[in-house]
Protein backbone atom coordinates (compact mmCIF):
# COMPACT_ATOMS: atom_id res chain seq x y z
CA MET A 1 4.79 15.60 -12.52
CA ALA A 2 2.47 12.77 -11.75
CA ASN A 3 1.74 11.90 -8.16
CA THR A 4 1.78 8.13 -8.83
CA ILE A 5 4.69 6.28 -10.41
CA PRO A 6 5.46 2.61 -10.99
CA TYR A 7 8.58 1.10 -9.44
CA LYS A 8 9.17 -2.56 -10.29
CA ASN A 9 5.96 -4.27 -9.09
CA THR A 10 4.62 -1.49 -6.86
CA LEU A 11 2.85 1.81 -7.41
CA LEU A 12 4.27 4.65 -5.36
CA SER A 13 1.96 7.59 -4.66
CA VAL A 14 2.80 10.89 -3.04
CA GLY A 15 1.60 10.75 0.55
CA ASP A 16 2.11 7.00 0.99
CA THR A 17 4.24 5.72 3.84
CA ILE A 18 7.00 3.68 2.25
CA ALA A 19 10.00 1.68 3.41
CA VAL A 20 13.17 1.89 1.34
CA ASP A 21 15.78 -0.82 1.92
CA TYR A 22 19.07 0.82 1.01
CA LYS A 23 22.43 -0.99 0.71
CA ILE A 24 25.25 0.70 2.60
CA LYS A 25 28.88 -0.26 2.17
CA GLU A 26 30.97 -0.26 5.33
CA GLY A 27 34.53 -1.24 4.58
CA GLU A 28 34.23 -4.39 2.49
CA LYS A 29 30.83 -5.43 3.83
CA PHE A 30 27.35 -4.40 2.73
CA ARG A 31 24.45 -3.98 5.08
CA ILE A 32 20.83 -3.03 4.43
CA GLN A 33 19.38 -0.01 6.21
CA GLN A 34 15.65 0.65 6.12
CA PHE A 35 14.42 4.22 5.74
CA THR A 36 10.68 4.47 6.50
CA GLY A 37 8.81 7.69 5.89
CA VAL A 38 6.22 9.62 3.90
CA LEU A 39 6.78 10.12 0.18
CA ILE A 40 6.77 13.90 -0.25
CA LYS A 41 7.54 14.37 -3.92
CA VAL A 42 8.53 12.67 -7.15
CA ARG A 43 10.70 14.39 -9.71
CA GLY A 44 12.32 13.51 -13.00
CA ALA A 45 10.80 12.96 -16.42
CA SER A 46 12.45 9.68 -17.39
CA GLU A 47 13.19 6.53 -15.43
CA GLN A 48 16.92 7.29 -15.39
CA THR A 49 16.46 10.72 -13.81
CA ARG A 50 13.52 9.94 -11.52
CA MET A 51 14.04 10.70 -7.82
CA ILE A 52 11.80 10.55 -4.78
CA THR A 53 11.96 12.51 -1.55
CA VAL A 54 11.04 10.64 1.62
CA ARG A 55 10.55 12.35 5.00
CA LYS A 56 10.53 10.80 8.42
CA VAL A 57 10.60 12.20 11.93
CA SER A 58 13.43 10.78 14.01
CA LYS A 59 13.05 9.66 17.62
CA SER A 60 14.41 12.98 18.84
CA GLY A 61 11.67 14.83 16.95
CA ILE A 62 13.81 16.18 14.12
CA GLY A 63 12.51 15.77 10.58
CA VAL A 64 14.86 14.00 8.17
CA GLU A 65 14.38 14.06 4.41
CA ARG A 66 16.24 11.81 2.02
CA ILE A 67 16.39 12.19 -1.75
CA ILE A 68 16.64 8.78 -3.37
CA PRO A 69 17.33 8.25 -7.09
CA LEU A 70 15.19 5.33 -8.29
CA SER A 71 17.84 4.20 -10.76
CA SER A 72 20.38 3.71 -7.95
CA PRO A 73 21.92 0.23 -7.72
CA PHE A 74 21.96 0.63 -3.93
CA ILE A 75 18.17 0.33 -3.57
CA ASN A 76 17.39 -3.20 -2.43
CA SER A 77 13.59 -2.82 -2.37
CA ILE A 78 10.79 -0.31 -1.88
CA SER A 79 7.53 -1.36 -0.25
CA VAL A 80 4.34 0.56 0.50
CA ILE A 81 3.38 0.32 4.17
CA LYS A 82 0.33 2.57 4.20
CA GLN A 83 -1.60 4.19 1.35
CA SER A 84 -2.97 7.71 1.59
CA ASN A 85 -5.79 9.55 -0.11
CA ASN A 86 -3.63 12.52 -1.09
CA THR A 87 -4.31 14.14 -4.47
CA ARG A 88 -1.50 16.69 -4.58
CA ALA A 89 1.72 16.17 -6.52
CA LYS A 90 3.96 17.61 -3.79
CA ILE A 91 3.05 17.72 -0.12
CA TYR A 92 5.49 20.20 1.37
CA TYR A 93 2.87 21.18 3.95
CA VAL A 94 3.69 18.04 5.99
CA ARG A 95 6.91 19.69 7.12
CA ASN A 96 4.92 21.94 9.47
CA LEU A 97 2.59 19.24 10.84
CA SER A 98 2.94 17.14 13.96
CA ASP A 99 2.70 13.34 13.65
CA LYS A 100 -0.90 13.25 14.81
CA LYS A 101 -2.03 15.98 12.41
CA LEU A 102 -0.10 14.36 9.59
CA ARG A 103 -1.84 11.01 10.12
CA ARG A 104 -5.21 12.73 10.26
CA LYS A 105 -4.57 14.65 7.01
CA LEU A 106 -3.15 11.77 4.99
CA TYR A 107 -4.96 8.69 6.25
CA HIS A 108 -8.18 9.76 7.98
CA ASN A 109 -10.47 9.54 4.95
CA VAL A 110 -8.83 6.34 3.72
CA SER A 111 -9.91 4.41 6.79
CA GLN A 112 -13.48 5.66 6.47
CA THR A 113 -13.73 4.74 2.81
CA ASP A 114 -12.17 1.35 3.50
CA ARG A 115 -14.77 0.72 6.19
CA THR A 116 -17.67 1.65 3.94
CA LEU A 117 -16.32 -0.48 1.12
CA LYS A 118 -15.89 -3.43 3.47
CA GLN A 119 -19.38 -2.95 4.86
CA GLN A 120 -20.84 -2.83 1.36
CA ALA A 121 -18.83 -5.85 0.27
CA ALA A 122 -19.65 -7.93 3.35
CA PRO A 123 -23.43 -8.25 2.73
CA ALA A 124 -22.84 -8.90 -0.96
CA ALA A 125 -20.27 -11.59 -0.16
CA SER A 126 -22.56 -13.26 2.37
CA GLU A 127 -25.41 -13.28 -0.17
CA GLN A 128 -23.14 -14.82 -2.78
CA SER A 129 -21.91 -17.48 -0.38
CA ALA A 130 -25.51 -18.28 0.63
CA GLU A 131 -26.51 -18.64 -3.00
CA ALA A 132 -23.49 -20.80 -3.70
CA THR A 133 -24.31 -23.22 -0.88
CA LYS A 134 -27.99 -23.62 -1.79
CA PRO A 135 -27.39 -25.25 -5.22
CA ALA A 136 -24.72 -27.46 -3.69
CA GLU A 137 -27.13 -28.67 -1.00
CA SER A 138 -29.91 -29.34 -3.52
CA ALA A 139 -27.47 -31.22 -5.76
CA LYS A 140 -26.45 -33.42 -2.81
CA SER A 141 -30.06 -34.19 -1.97
CA ALA A 142 -30.76 -35.07 -5.63
CA GLU A 143 -27.79 -37.45 -5.66
CA THR A 144 -28.95 -39.23 -2.52
CA THR A 145 -32.51 -39.68 -3.74
CA ALA A 146 -31.57 -40.87 -7.21
CA PRO A 147 -29.72 -44.07 -6.14
CA GLU A 148 -32.47 -44.94 -3.68
CA ALA A 149 -35.05 -44.79 -6.47
CA ASN A 150 -32.92 -47.08 -8.62
CA GLN A 151 -32.58 -49.66 -5.82
CA GLU A 152 -36.33 -50.05 -5.34
């Protein structure tokens, strides 16, 4: 199975930290409960049978996994909180990792690549902005000198 799937307007990748807003019916009222965790696996060949497994560690330190069918009418929304650089289709190994080791495995290289991309983009952007202001300044000076020449 692929490790990246589309869901409405977002791309969900295995290893990403996602937040699933799930509608829960209590009596006659509905409320929305957010389940935030790491996407461990995606299964199902078609959109009707596709399911995701999301894992989070509760405050008491116990890992909780939830299997969520993507065709469920009870899903309000799914949003990606943090993207990872994971390349595996299923990341069962996160079950044995602590929070700190999990963050280091999934997100450590992403932050370094983001920094290098930003550093490479920053000089290029500053050069482009400098080039963009130079023609504007020369055009302004040409406009100011042209009317003065006509008045003399």
